[in-house]
C-alpha atoms as a PDB file:
ATOM      1  CA  UNK A   1     -12.886  -8.989  23.848  1.00  0.00           C
ATOM      2  CA  UNK A   2     -12.360  -9.296  19.957  1.00  0.00           C
ATOM      3  CA  UNK A   3     -12.320 -11.773  17.430  1.00  0.00           C
ATOM      4  CA  UNK A   4     -10.157 -11.158  14.388  1.00  0.00           C
ATOM      5  CA  UNK A   5     -10.196 -13.198  11.223  1.00  0.00           C
ATOM      6  CA  UNK A   6      -7.057 -14.589   9.948  1.00  0.00           C
ATOM      7  CA  UNK A   7      -4.561 -13.188   8.737  1.00  0.00           C
ATOM      8  CA  UNK A   8      -4.244 -10.497  11.344  1.00  0.00           C
ATOM      9  CA  UNK A   9      -2.761  -8.124   8.756  1.00  0.00           C
ATOM     10  CA  UNK A  10      -5.781  -8.247   6.797  1.00  0.00           C
ATOM     11  CA  UNK A  11      -7.458  -6.705   9.790  1.00  0.00           C
ATOM     12  CA  UNK A  12     -11.000  -6.300  10.019  1.00  0.00           C
ATOM     13  CA  UNK A  13     -12.599  -7.662  13.201  1.00  0.00           C
ATOM     14  CA  UNK A  14     -15.865  -9.729  13.783  1.00  0.00           C
ATOM     15  CA  UNK A  15     -16.793  -8.120  17.171  1.00  0.00           C
ATOM     16  CA  UNK A  16     -18.506 -10.178  19.657  1.00  0.00           C
ATOM     17  CA  UNK A  17     -21.413  -7.762  19.774  1.00  0.00           C
ATOM     18  CA  UNK A  18     -22.240  -4.996  22.028  1.00  0.00           C
ATOM     19  CA  UNK A  19     -21.717  -7.371  25.106  1.00  0.00           C
ATOM     20  CA  UNK A  20     -17.988  -7.743  24.288  1.00  0.00           C
ATOM     21  CA  UNK A  21     -16.460  -5.140  26.249  1.00  0.00           C
ATOM     22  CA  UNK A  22     -18.156  -6.251  29.460  1.00  0.00           C
ATOM     23  CA  UNK A  23     -15.719  -9.229  29.720  1.00  0.00           C
ATOM     24  CA  UNK A  24     -12.675  -9.056  31.520  1.00  0.00           C
ATOM     25  CA  UNK A  25      -9.957 -11.797  32.067  1.00  0.00           C
ATOM     26  CA  UNK A  26      -9.266 -12.319  35.644  1.00  0.00           C
ATOM     27  CA  UNK A  27      -5.661 -12.740  36.953  1.00  0.00           C
ATOM     28  CA  UNK A  28      -4.264 -15.892  38.454  1.00  0.00           C
ATOM     29  CA  UNK A  29      -5.718 -15.134  41.844  1.00  0.00           C
ATOM     30  CA  UNK A  30      -9.242 -15.394  40.598  1.00  0.00           C
ATOM     31  CA  UNK A  31      -8.622 -19.257  40.717  1.00  0.00           C
ATOM     32  CA  UNK A  32      -9.282 -20.241  37.279  1.00  0.00           C
ATOM     33  CA  UNK A  33      -8.572 -23.966  37.771  1.00  0.00           C
ATOM     34  CA  UNK A  34     -11.120 -23.787  40.607  1.00  0.00           C
ATOM     35  CA  UNK A  35     -13.875 -22.802  38.460  1.00  0.00           C
ATOM     36  CA  UNK A  36     -16.564 -25.687  37.553  1.00  0.00           C
ATOM     37  CA  UNK A  37     -19.929 -25.866  35.882  1.00  0.00           C
ATOM     38  CA  UNK A  38     -21.913 -23.982  33.252  1.00  0.00           C
ATOM     39  CA  UNK A  39     -20.921 -21.064  31.505  1.00  0.00           C
ATOM     40  CA  UNK A  40     -23.453 -18.561  29.631  1.00  0.00           C
ATOM     41  CA  UNK A  41     -21.102 -18.411  26.760  1.00  0.00           C
ATOM     42  CA  UNK A  42     -18.051 -20.281  25.653  1.00  0.00           C
ATOM     43  CA  UNK A  43     -15.961 -19.411  22.639  1.00  0.00           C
ATOM     44  CA  UNK A  44     -13.817 -22.351  21.433  1.00  0.00           C
ATOM     45  CA  UNK A  45     -11.778 -23.397  18.567  1.00  0.00           C
ATOM     46  CA  UNK A  46      -9.677 -20.077  17.668  1.00  0.00           C
ATOM     47  CA  UNK A  47      -6.234 -18.792  18.734  1.00  0.00           C
ATOM     48  CA  UNK A  48      -6.795 -17.319  22.086  1.00  0.00           C
ATOM     49  CA  UNK A  49      -4.267 -14.477  22.821  1.00  0.00           C
ATOM     50  CA  UNK A  50      -4.430 -13.746  26.366  1.00  0.00           C
ATOM     51  CA  UNK A  51      -2.072 -10.858  26.833  1.00  0.00           C
ATOM     52  CA  UNK A  52      -1.492 -11.850  30.478  1.00  0.00           C
ATOM     53  CA  UNK A  53       1.820 -11.458  32.107  1.00  0.00           C
ATOM     54  CA  UNK A  54       3.299 -14.774  30.455  1.00  0.00           C
ATOM     55  CA  UNK A  55       1.829 -13.823  27.180  1.00  0.00           C
ATOM     56  CA  UNK A  56       0.166 -17.047  26.745  1.00  0.00           C
ATOM     57  CA  UNK A  57      -1.543 -18.417  23.777  1.00  0.00           C
ATOM     58  CA  UNK A  58      -3.806 -21.172  23.521  1.00  0.00           C
ATOM     59  CA  UNK A  59      -4.453 -22.738  20.091  1.00  0.00           C
ATOM     60  CA  UNK A  60      -7.066 -24.209  19.794  1.00  0.00           C
ATOM     61  CA  UNK A  61      -8.395 -22.051  22.836  1.00  0.00           C
ATOM     62  CA  UNK A  62     -11.397 -21.898  25.097  1.00  0.00           C
ATOM     63  CA  UNK A  63     -12.915 -18.981  26.822  1.00  0.00           C
ATOM     64  CA  UNK A  64     -15.623 -19.458  29.405  1.00  0.00           C
ATOM     65  CA  UNK A  65     -18.009 -16.619  30.214  1.00  0.00           C
ATOM     66  CA  UNK A  66     -20.558 -16.246  33.040  1.00  0.00           C
ATOM     67  CA  UNK A  67     -22.473 -13.124  33.187  1.00  0.00           C
ATOM     68  CA  UNK A  68     -20.223 -10.175  32.613  1.00  0.00           C
ATOM     69  CA  UNK A  69     -17.138 -11.933  33.362  1.00  0.00           C
ATOM     70  CA  UNK A  70     -14.468 -14.214  31.857  1.00  0.00           C
ATOM     71  CA  UNK A  71     -14.195 -16.879  34.220  1.00  0.00           C
ATOM     72  CA  UNK A  72     -11.662 -19.155  32.587  1.00  0.00           C
ATOM     73  CA  UNK A  73      -9.335 -19.130  29.596  1.00  0.00           C
ATOM     74  CA  UNK A  74      -7.110 -22.029  28.704  1.00  0.00           C
ATOM     75  CA  UNK A  75      -6.565 -24.905  26.080  1.00  0.00           C
ATOM     76  CA  UNK A  76     -10.001 -26.378  24.575  1.00  0.00           C
ATOM     77  CA  UNK A  77      -8.716 -29.858  25.370  1.00  0.00           C
ATOM     78  CA  UNK A  78      -8.912 -29.092  29.033  1.00  0.00           C
ATOM     79  CA  UNK A  79     -11.493 -26.635  29.448  1.00  0.00           C
ATOM     80  CA  UNK A  80     -14.246 -28.240  27.367  1.00  0.00           C
ATOM     81  CA  UNK A  81     -14.229 -30.885  29.898  1.00  0.00           C
ATOM     82  CA  UNK A  82     -14.585 -28.212  32.763  1.00  0.00           C
ATOM     83  CA  UNK A  83     -17.272 -25.942  31.176  1.00  0.00           C
ATOM     84  CA  UNK A  84     -20.431 -26.393  29.387  1.00  0.00           C
ATOM     85  CA  UNK A  85     -21.815 -23.374  27.745  1.00  0.00           C
ATOM     86  CA  UNK A  86     -25.509 -22.301  27.466  1.00  0.00           C
ATOM     87  CA  UNK A  87     -24.321 -20.800  24.075  1.00  0.00           C
ATOM     88  CA  UNK A  88     -21.191 -21.517  21.880  1.00  0.00           C
ATOM     89  CA  UNK A  89     -19.466 -19.511  19.461  1.00  0.00           C
ATOM     90  CA  UNK A  90     -16.912 -21.055  17.201  1.00  0.00           C
ATOM     91  CA  UNK A  91     -13.849 -19.068  16.488  1.00  0.00           C
ATOM     92  CA  UNK A  92     -12.088 -21.581  14.133  1.00  0.00           C
ATOM     93  CA  UNK A  93      -9.516 -19.951  12.121  1.00  0.00           C
ATOM     94  CA  UNK A  94      -9.891 -16.806  13.903  1.00  0.00           C
ATOM     95  CA  UNK A  95      -7.927 -14.894  16.743  1.00  0.00           C
ATOM     96  CA  UNK A  96      -9.602 -14.113  19.914  1.00  0.00           C
ATOM     97  CA  UNK A  97      -8.022 -11.230  22.005  1.00  0.00           C
ATOM     98  CA  UNK A  98      -8.437  -8.426  24.192  1.00  0.00           C
ATOM     99  CA  UNK A  99     -10.549  -5.540  22.663  1.00  0.00           C
ATOM    100  CA  UNK A 100      -8.495  -2.855  21.086  1.00  0.00           C
ATOM    101  CA  UNK A 101      -8.476   0.803  22.790  1.00  0.00           C
ATOM    102  CA  UNK A 102      -8.757   4.148  21.002  1.00  0.00           C
ATOM    103  CA  UNK A 103      -6.867   6.560  23.227  1.00  0.00           C
ATOM    104  CA  UNK A 104      -8.095   9.807  21.457  1.00  0.00           C
ATOM    105  CA  UNK A 105     -11.654  10.524  19.577  1.00  0.00           C
ATOM    106  CA  UNK A 106     -14.413  13.080  19.007  1.00  0.00           C
ATOM    107  CA  UNK A 107     -16.874  10.103  18.432  1.00  0.00           C
ATOM    108  CA  UNK A 108     -19.787  12.428  17.039  1.00  0.00           C
ATOM    109  CA  UNK A 109     -17.396  13.935  14.497  1.00  0.00           C
ATOM    110  CA  UNK A 110     -17.832  10.770  12.363  1.00  0.00           C
ATOM    111  CA  UNK A 111     -20.895  12.897  10.911  1.00  0.00           C
ATOM    112  CA  UNK A 112     -18.251  15.401   9.588  1.00  0.00           C
ATOM    113  CA  UNK A 113     -16.207  12.874   7.757  1.00  0.00           C
ATOM    114  CA  UNK A 114     -14.982  14.270   4.500  1.00  0.00           C
ATOM    115  CA  UNK A 115     -15.048  17.899   5.424  1.00  0.00           C
ATOM    116  CA  UNK A 116     -12.228  19.870   4.344  1.00  0.00           C
ATOM    117  CA  UNK A 117      -9.609  17.076   4.498  1.00  0.00           C
ATOM    118  CA  UNK A 118      -5.781  17.619   4.030  1.00  0.00           C
ATOM    119  CA  UNK A 119      -5.347  21.058   5.826  1.00  0.00           C
ATOM    120  CA  UNK A 120      -3.178  22.259   8.502  1.00  0.00           C
ATOM    121  CA  UNK A 121      -4.958  21.836  11.914  1.00  0.00           C
ATOM    122  CA  UNK A 122      -5.703  25.533  12.625  1.00  0.00           C
ATOM    123  CA  UNK A 123      -6.977  26.065   9.171  1.00  0.00           C
ATOM    124  CA  UNK A 124      -9.172  23.013   9.369  1.00  0.00           C
ATOM    125  CA  UNK A 125     -10.452  24.130  12.830  1.00  0.00           C
ATOM    126  CA  UNK A 126     -11.015  27.686  12.358  1.00  0.00           C
ATOM    127  CA  UNK A 127     -12.219  28.068   8.863  1.00  0.00           C
ATOM    128  CA  UNK A 128     -14.291  24.701   8.556  1.00  0.00           C
ATOM    129  CA  UNK A 129     -14.912  22.585  11.690  1.00  0.00           C
ATOM    130  CA  UNK A 130     -15.874  25.275  14.495  1.00  0.00           C
ATOM    131  CA  UNK A 131     -18.113  27.086  12.043  1.00  0.00           C
ATOM    132  CA  UNK A 132     -19.700  23.623  11.102  1.00  0.00           C
ATOM    133  CA  UNK A 133     -20.000  22.716  14.723  1.00  0.00           C
ATOM    134  CA  UNK A 134     -21.415  26.053  15.685  1.00  0.00           C
ATOM    135  CA  UNK A 135     -24.302  25.383  12.983  1.00  0.00           C
ATOM    136  CA  UNK A 136     -24.982  21.833  13.416  1.00  0.00           C
ATOM    137  CA  UNK A 137     -23.984  20.315  16.783  1.00  0.00           C
ATOM    138  CA  UNK A 138     -27.015  19.458  18.942  1.00  0.00           C
ATOM    139  CA  UNK A 139     -27.796  16.855  21.512  1.00  0.00           C
ATOM    140  CA  UNK A 140     -29.461  14.545  19.006  1.00  0.00           C
ATOM    141  CA  UNK A 141     -26.542  15.038  16.625  1.00  0.00           C
ATOM    142  CA  UNK A 142     -24.133  14.041  19.274  1.00  0.00           C
ATOM    143  CA  UNK A 143     -26.193  11.181  20.343  1.00  0.00           C
ATOM    144  CA  UNK A 144     -26.525   9.571  16.895  1.00  0.00           C
ATOM    145  CA  UNK A 145     -23.344  10.427  15.877  1.00  0.00           C
ATOM    146  CA  UNK A 146     -21.782   8.524  18.822  1.00  0.00           C
ATOM    147  CA  UNK A 147     -23.867   5.532  18.182  1.00  0.00           C
ATOM    148  CA  UNK A 148     -22.588   5.452  14.473  1.00  0.00           C
ATOM    149  CA  UNK A 149     -18.954   5.594  15.910  1.00  0.00           C
ATOM    150  CA  UNK A 150     -19.362   3.014  18.448  1.00  0.00           C
ATOM    151  CA  UNK A 151     -20.812   0.608  15.711  1.00  0.00           C
ATOM    152  CA  UNK A 152     -17.852   1.425  13.422  1.00  0.00           C
ATOM    153  CA  UNK A 153     -15.270   0.937  16.488  1.00  0.00           C
ATOM    154  CA  UNK A 154     -16.756  -2.434  17.413  1.00  0.00           C
ATOM    155  CA  UNK A 155     -16.643  -3.639  13.767  1.00  0.00           C
ATOM    156  CA  UNK A 156     -12.807  -2.982  13.946  1.00  0.00           C
ATOM    157  CA  UNK A 157     -12.293  -4.943  17.218  1.00  0.00           C
ATOM    158  CA  UNK A 158     -12.400  -1.473  19.484  1.00  0.00           C
ATOM    159  CA  UNK A 159     -14.111  -1.911  22.864  1.00  0.00           C
ATOM    160  CA  UNK A 160     -12.873   1.037  24.878  1.00  0.00           C
ATOM    161  CA  UNK A 161     -12.363   4.739  23.774  1.00  0.00           C
ATOM    162  CA  UNK A 162     -11.435   8.035  25.297  1.00  0.00           C
ATOM    163  CA  UNK A 163     -13.480  11.070  24.170  1.00  0.00           C
ATOM    164  CA  UNK A 164     -13.716  14.915  24.405  1.00  0.00           C
ATOM    165  CA  UNK A 165     -16.509  16.545  22.778  1.00  0.00           C
ATOM    166  CA  UNK A 166     -19.916  18.562  23.516  1.00  0.00           C
ATOM    167  CA  UNK A 167     -22.945  17.291  25.080  1.00  0.00           C
ATOM    168  CA  UNK A 168     -20.602  14.540  26.619  1.00  0.00           C
ATOM    169  CA  UNK A 169     -23.795  13.206  28.598  1.00  0.00           C
ATOM    170  CA  UNK A 170     -25.494  11.987  25.426  1.00  0.00           C
ATOM    171  CA  UNK A 171     -21.996  10.583  24.389  1.00  0.00           C
ATOM    172  CA  UNK A 172     -21.949   8.552  27.599  1.00  0.00           C
ATOM    173  CA  UNK A 173     -25.620   7.398  27.232  1.00  0.00           C
ATOM    174  CA  UNK A 174     -24.897   6.214  23.479  1.00  0.00           C
ATOM    175  CA  UNK A 175     -21.615   4.649  24.817  1.00  0.00           C
ATOM    176  CA  UNK A 176     -23.398   2.563  27.507  1.00  0.00           C
ATOM    177  CA  UNK A 177     -26.141   1.556  25.193  1.00  0.00           C
ATOM    178  CA  UNK A 178     -23.535   0.377  22.805  1.00  0.00           C
ATOM    179  CA  UNK A 179     -22.082  -1.622  25.540  1.00  0.00           C
ATOM    180  CA  UNK A 180     -18.700  -0.176  25.167  1.00  0.00           C
ATOM    181  CA  UNK A 181     -16.293   1.255  27.713  1.00  0.00           C
ATOM    182  CA  UNK A 182     -15.412   5.196  27.505  1.00  0.00           C
ATOM    183  CA  UNK A 183     -13.151   7.625  29.396  1.00  0.00           C
ATOM    184  CA  UNK A 184     -15.472  10.642  28.556  1.00  0.00           C
ATOM    185  CA  UNK A 185     -14.834  14.466  29.083  1.00  0.00           C
ATOM    186  CA  UNK A 186     -16.857  17.450  28.268  1.00  0.00           C
ATOM    187  CA  UNK A 187     -14.727  19.842  26.259  1.00  0.00           C
ATOM    188  CA  UNK A 188     -13.702  23.059  28.319  1.00  0.00           C
ATOM    189  CA  UNK A 189     -12.855  25.825  26.079  1.00  0.00           C
ATOM    190  CA  UNK A 190     -12.395  29.633  26.261  1.00  0.00           C
ATOM    191  CA  UNK A 191     -15.062  30.557  23.587  1.00  0.00           C
ATOM    192  CA  UNK A 192     -18.623  29.798  23.407  1.00  0.00           C
ATOM    193  CA  UNK A 193     -19.256  26.077  22.329  1.00  0.00           C
ATOM    194  CA  UNK A 194     -22.335  24.405  21.239  1.00  0.00           C
ATOM    195  CA  UNK A 195     -23.608  23.664  24.599  1.00  0.00           C
ATOM    196  CA  UNK A 196     -21.777  25.988  26.970  1.00  0.00           C
ATOM    197  CA  UNK A 197     -21.276  29.631  26.523  1.00  0.00           C
ATOM    198  CA  UNK A 198     -18.352  30.149  29.099  1.00  0.00           C
ATOM    199  CA  UNK A 199     -15.577  27.782  30.328  1.00  0.00           C
ATOM    200  CA  UNK A 200     -17.185  28.240  33.787  1.00  0.00           C
ATOM    201  CA  UNK A 201     -20.295  26.860  32.777  1.00  0.00           C
ATOM    202  CA  UNK A 202     -18.396  23.940  31.001  1.00  0.00           C
ATOM    203  CA  UNK A 203     -16.477  23.276  34.520  1.00  0.00           C
ATOM    204  CA  UNK A 204     -19.667  23.158  36.559  1.00  0.00           C
ATOM    205  CA  UNK A 205     -21.130  20.699  33.945  1.00  0.00           C
ATOM    206  CA  UNK A 206     -18.298  18.673  34.203  1.00  0.00           C
ATOM    207  CA  UNK A 207     -18.439  18.486  38.132  1.00  0.00           C
ATOM    208  CA  UNK A 208     -22.095  17.312  37.655  1.00  0.00           C
ATOM    209  CA  UNK A 209     -21.255  14.881  34.941  1.00  0.00           C
ATOM    210  CA  UNK A 210     -18.534  13.260  36.829  1.00  0.00           C
ATOM    211  CA  UNK A 211     -20.909  12.794  39.899  1.00  0.00           C
ATOM    212  CA  UNK A 212     -23.692  11.272  37.721  1.00  0.00           C
ATOM    213  CA  UNK A 213     -21.552   8.742  35.822  1.00  0.00           C
ATOM    214  CA  UNK A 214     -18.576   8.074  38.366  1.00  0.00           C
ATOM    215  CA  UNK A 215     -20.263   4.761  39.535  1.00  0.00           C
ATOM    216  CA  UNK A 216     -21.291   3.278  36.143  1.00  0.00           C
ATOM    217  CA  UNK A 217     -19.485   0.086  35.078  1.00  0.00           C
ATOM    218  CA  UNK A 218     -18.544   1.280  31.715  1.00  0.00           C
ATOM    219  CA  UNK A 219     -18.198   5.015  31.939  1.00  0.00           C
ATOM    220  CA  UNK A 220     -15.156   6.721  33.378  1.00  0.00           C
ATOM    221  CA  UNK A 221     -15.754  10.337  33.648  1.00  0.00           C
ATOM    222  CA  UNK A 222     -12.920  12.806  32.892  1.00  0.00           C
ATOM    223  CA  UNK A 223     -12.132  16.559  32.938  1.00  0.00           C
ATOM    224  CA  UNK A 224     -11.304  17.640  29.465  1.00  0.00           C
ATOM    225  CA  UNK A 225      -9.714  21.219  28.658  1.00  0.00           C
ATOM    226  CA  UNK A 226      -9.382  21.557  25.103  1.00  0.00           C
ATOM    227  CA  UNK A 227      -5.645  22.580  24.904  1.00  0.00           C
ATOM    228  CA  UNK A 228      -3.027  25.093  25.768  1.00  0.00           C
ATOM    229  CA  UNK A 229      -3.814  27.269  22.926  1.00  0.00           C
ATOM    230  CA  UNK A 230      -7.620  27.468  23.503  1.00  0.00           C
ATOM    231  CA  UNK A 231      -7.557  27.588  27.243  1.00  0.00           C
ATOM    232  CA  UNK A 232      -6.257  30.355  29.551  1.00  0.00           C
ATOM    233  CA  UNK A 233      -3.719  29.363  32.356  1.00  0.00           C
ATOM    234  CA  UNK A 234      -6.698  30.209  34.724  1.00  0.00           C
ATOM    235  CA  UNK A 235      -9.131  27.891  32.806  1.00  0.00           C
ATOM    236  CA  UNK A 236      -6.364  24.928  32.649  1.00  0.00           C
ATOM    237  CA  UNK A 237      -5.652  25.422  36.425  1.00  0.00           C
ATOM    238  CA  UNK A 238      -9.369  25.279  37.366  1.00  0.00           C
ATOM    239  CA  UNK A 239      -9.657  22.189  35.325  1.00  0.00           C
ATOM    240  CA  UNK A 240      -6.678  20.617  37.214  1.00  0.00           C
ATOM    241  CA  UNK A 241      -8.152  21.537  40.646  1.00  0.00           C
ATOM    242  CA  UNK A 242     -11.515  19.883  39.494  1.00  0.00           C
ATOM    243  CA  UNK A 243      -9.658  16.762  38.467  1.00  0.00           C
ATOM    244  CA  UNK A 244      -7.925  16.609  41.818  1.00  0.00           C
ATOM    245  CA  UNK A 245     -11.123  17.516  43.818  1.00  0.00           C
ATOM    246  CA  UNK A 246     -13.128  14.857  42.019  1.00  0.00           C
ATOM    247  CA  UNK A 247     -10.329  12.279  41.462  1.00  0.00           C
ATOM    248  CA  UNK A 248     -11.165  12.118  37.725  1.00  0.00           C
ATOM    249  CA  UNK A 249      -8.644  11.729  35.036  1.00  0.00           C
ATOM    250  CA  UNK A 250      -7.696  14.724  32.823  1.00  0.00           C
ATOM    251  CA  UNK A 251      -7.487  14.615  29.049  1.00  0.00           C
ATOM    252  CA  UNK A 252      -6.133  17.406  26.766  1.00  0.00           C
ATOM    253  CA  UNK A 253      -4.743  17.977  23.467  1.00  0.00           C
ATOM    254  CA  UNK A 254      -0.887  18.491  23.704  1.00  0.00           C
ATOM    255  CA  UNK A 255       1.445  19.511  20.873  1.00  0.00           C
ATOM    256  CA  UNK A 256      -0.800  18.079  18.263  1.00  0.00           C
ATOM    257  CA  UNK A 257       0.604  20.374  15.399  1.00  0.00           C
ATOM    258  CA  UNK A 258       3.291  22.904  14.536  1.00  0.00           C
ATOM    259  CA  UNK A 259       0.898  25.603  14.877  1.00  0.00           C
ATOM    260  CA  UNK A 260       0.017  24.827  18.387  1.00  0.00           C
ATOM    261  CA  UNK A 261       3.792  24.732  19.429  1.00  0.00           C
ATOM    262  CA  UNK A 262       4.289  28.143  17.706  1.00  0.00           C
ATOM    263  CA  UNK A 263       1.307  29.816  19.483  1.00  0.00           C
ATOM    264  CA  UNK A 264       2.100  28.554  22.939  1.00  0.00           C
ATOM    265  CA  UNK A 265       5.735  29.430  22.259  1.00  0.00           C
ATOM    266  CA  UNK A 266       4.740  33.143  21.444  1.00  0.00           C
ATOM    267  CA  UNK A 267       2.492  33.461  24.192  1.00  0.00           C
ATOM    268  CA  UNK A 268       4.015  31.683  27.144  1.00  0.00           C
ATOM    269  CA  UNK A 269       7.767  31.461  26.021  1.00  0.00           C
ATOM    270  CA  UNK A 270       7.675  27.590  26.361  1.00  0.00           C
ATOM    271  CA  UNK A 271       6.539  24.735  24.255  1.00  0.00           C
ATOM    272  CA  UNK A 272       3.327  23.056  25.223  1.00  0.00           C
ATOM    273  CA  UNK A 273       4.504  20.309  27.547  1.00  0.00           C
ATOM    274  CA  UNK A 274       6.977  22.420  29.383  1.00  0.00           C
ATOM    275  CA  UNK A 275       4.265  25.079  29.751  1.00  0.00           C
ATOM    276  CA  UNK A 276       1.714  22.574  31.061  1.00  0.00           C
ATOM    277  CA  UNK A 277       4.263  21.399  33.683  1.00  0.00           C
ATOM    278  CA  UNK A 278       5.213  24.825  34.788  1.00  0.00           C
ATOM    279  CA  UNK A 279       1.446  25.499  35.524  1.00  0.00           C
ATOM    280  CA  UNK A 280       0.816  22.453  37.443  1.00  0.00           C
ATOM    281  CA  UNK A 281      -1.366  20.489  34.873  1.00  0.00           C
ATOM    282  CA  UNK A 282       1.041  17.527  34.837  1.00  0.00           C
ATOM    283  CA  UNK A 283       0.715  15.296  37.655  1.00  0.00           C
ATOM    284  CA  UNK A 284      -0.261  11.592  38.609  1.00  0.00           C
END
């Protein structure tokens, strides 16, 4: 959940703190009207945008939180008689809404900000980023870079993100520490990376990563082959099989630049999406 100051177009959010992502709005079946009593936290006075199926907005609104759950949402005039909060947070003149979701990141790369901007993707990667990663990326680099990235995302109202990088176990630890949600996958690529020298080692690590984190309330482990132009058909199909075997989502770069489309067309005779579909990577 996120609190945004008015006007929304001005944009910067005041996040609710690192606990904000834990909060989830229950559906009508959760029995909002039947809840009574003391809440650990109430947020009152702002415009509450529920994003529920009816797109209800309560102004002024009231949000009651108990433990790690939102237990009631509605008009302040009604819910203030229903719930008393151990803590109260005023959202007067602000907007309260579900947290934003960043669907593609390499979170630790916040530490590379400003390196070789405004270049074509292939030149940026091959001449600058891949060499920089080979020299600097370590587990500590990844952990602290992720904490910085999480802090920045929370300041902007983002509470959930998807990530593909190296030392993904350190990213999961930092994400959980920040109280954010993450769909996280270790990069599987066909050349030596900072933490795995072969794609098979990355696949083996991914299997253990999934099994370690699959029960965590905030972390959703994923399988993350880098792309159609950096992974062979065999590597991609092995990643898809791992995704299916472990019932884990698969995340991948697809058609992210003209150079990718050109390379895949020249090598496989199809554009990236038809190529991935043809080799069985695209499924439910």
